[in-house]
């Protein structure tokens, strides 16, 4: 999977990209947030709860740091 800034991913794709490459996955709640969450299992639970309420969660690639092996994404929620 090729990771580019701005790409939209599902939580499964985020997890797969992070675990397959042994990278850290930093999840931000919004563009200006400075402290990231690294809890992908918690994100799966949040996504499940949000989808029950009619929300759709995607993760926009904020940055890919191949040297530090970190994938940073921003959670984006849309409502039907």
Protein backbone atom coordinates (compact mmCIF):
# COMPACT_ATOMS: atom_id res chain seq x y z
CA UNK A 1 0.00 0.00 0.00
CA UNK A 2 1.39 3.38 -0.97
CA UNK A 3 0.86 6.06 1.64
CA UNK A 4 0.58 9.65 0.43
CA UNK A 5 -0.33 12.83 2.28
CA UNK A 6 -4.05 13.52 1.99
CA UNK A 7 -5.04 9.90 1.27
CA UNK A 8 -8.19 8.66 3.05
CA UNK A 9 -7.94 5.32 4.84
CA UNK A 10 -10.15 3.11 6.98
CA UNK A 11 -8.99 2.11 10.46
CA UNK A 12 -8.19 -1.36 9.12
CA UNK A 13 -5.93 0.16 6.45
CA UNK A 14 -4.28 2.36 9.09
CA UNK A 15 -3.63 -0.66 11.30
CA UNK A 16 -2.41 -2.78 8.42
CA UNK A 17 -0.01 -0.08 7.23
CA UNK A 18 1.36 0.46 10.73
CA UNK A 19 1.72 -3.17 11.77
CA UNK A 20 2.95 -4.49 8.44
CA UNK A 21 5.85 -2.04 8.48
CA UNK A 22 6.33 -1.96 12.28
CA UNK A 23 5.60 1.76 12.25
CA UNK A 24 4.08 3.92 14.97
CA UNK A 25 0.60 5.19 14.11
CA UNK A 26 -0.21 8.66 15.46
CA UNK A 27 -3.94 9.47 15.37
CA UNK A 28 -5.03 13.09 15.71
CA UNK A 29 -8.59 14.19 16.38
CA UNK A 30 -8.17 17.34 14.28
CA UNK A 31 -5.62 19.34 12.28
CA UNK A 32 -4.52 21.55 15.20
CA UNK A 33 -4.27 18.87 17.87
CA UNK A 34 -0.73 18.49 19.20
CA UNK A 35 -1.05 15.29 21.22
CA UNK A 36 -1.68 12.12 19.26
CA UNK A 37 -3.34 8.90 20.36
CA UNK A 38 -1.63 5.62 19.52
CA UNK A 39 -4.57 3.39 20.56
CA UNK A 40 -5.74 1.74 17.34
CA UNK A 41 -7.98 -0.73 19.21
CA UNK A 42 -9.71 2.22 20.87
CA UNK A 43 -10.15 3.78 17.44
CA UNK A 44 -11.82 0.61 16.18
CA UNK A 45 -14.27 0.79 19.09
CA UNK A 46 -14.92 4.50 18.48
CA UNK A 47 -15.50 3.83 14.77
CA UNK A 48 -17.97 1.05 15.62
CA UNK A 49 -19.94 3.29 18.01
CA UNK A 50 -19.91 6.19 15.52
CA UNK A 51 -21.21 3.97 12.71
CA UNK A 52 -24.17 2.89 14.88
CA UNK A 53 -25.13 6.58 15.08
CA UNK A 54 -24.91 6.99 11.30
CA UNK A 55 -21.41 8.42 11.24
CA UNK A 56 -18.61 7.39 8.93
CA UNK A 57 -15.01 7.60 10.12
CA UNK A 58 -12.05 7.93 7.77
CA UNK A 59 -8.45 8.78 8.48
CA UNK A 60 -6.65 11.36 6.34
CA UNK A 61 -2.88 10.90 6.07
CA UNK A 62 -1.25 13.91 7.72
CA UNK A 63 2.33 12.80 7.21
CA UNK A 64 4.48 9.79 6.49
CA UNK A 65 7.92 9.84 8.10
CA UNK A 66 9.95 6.97 6.68
CA UNK A 67 13.01 7.83 8.77
CA UNK A 68 11.14 7.85 12.11
CA UNK A 69 8.77 5.13 10.83
CA UNK A 70 5.70 7.08 11.88
CA UNK A 71 2.37 7.35 10.07
CA UNK A 72 0.32 10.34 11.27
CA UNK A 73 -3.38 10.50 10.44
CA UNK A 74 -6.28 12.83 11.22
CA UNK A 75 -9.68 11.37 12.12
CA UNK A 76 -12.50 12.71 9.95
CA UNK A 77 -16.12 11.97 10.80
CA UNK A 78 -19.01 12.59 8.42
CA UNK A 79 -22.66 12.14 9.31
CA UNK A 80 -25.38 10.75 7.02
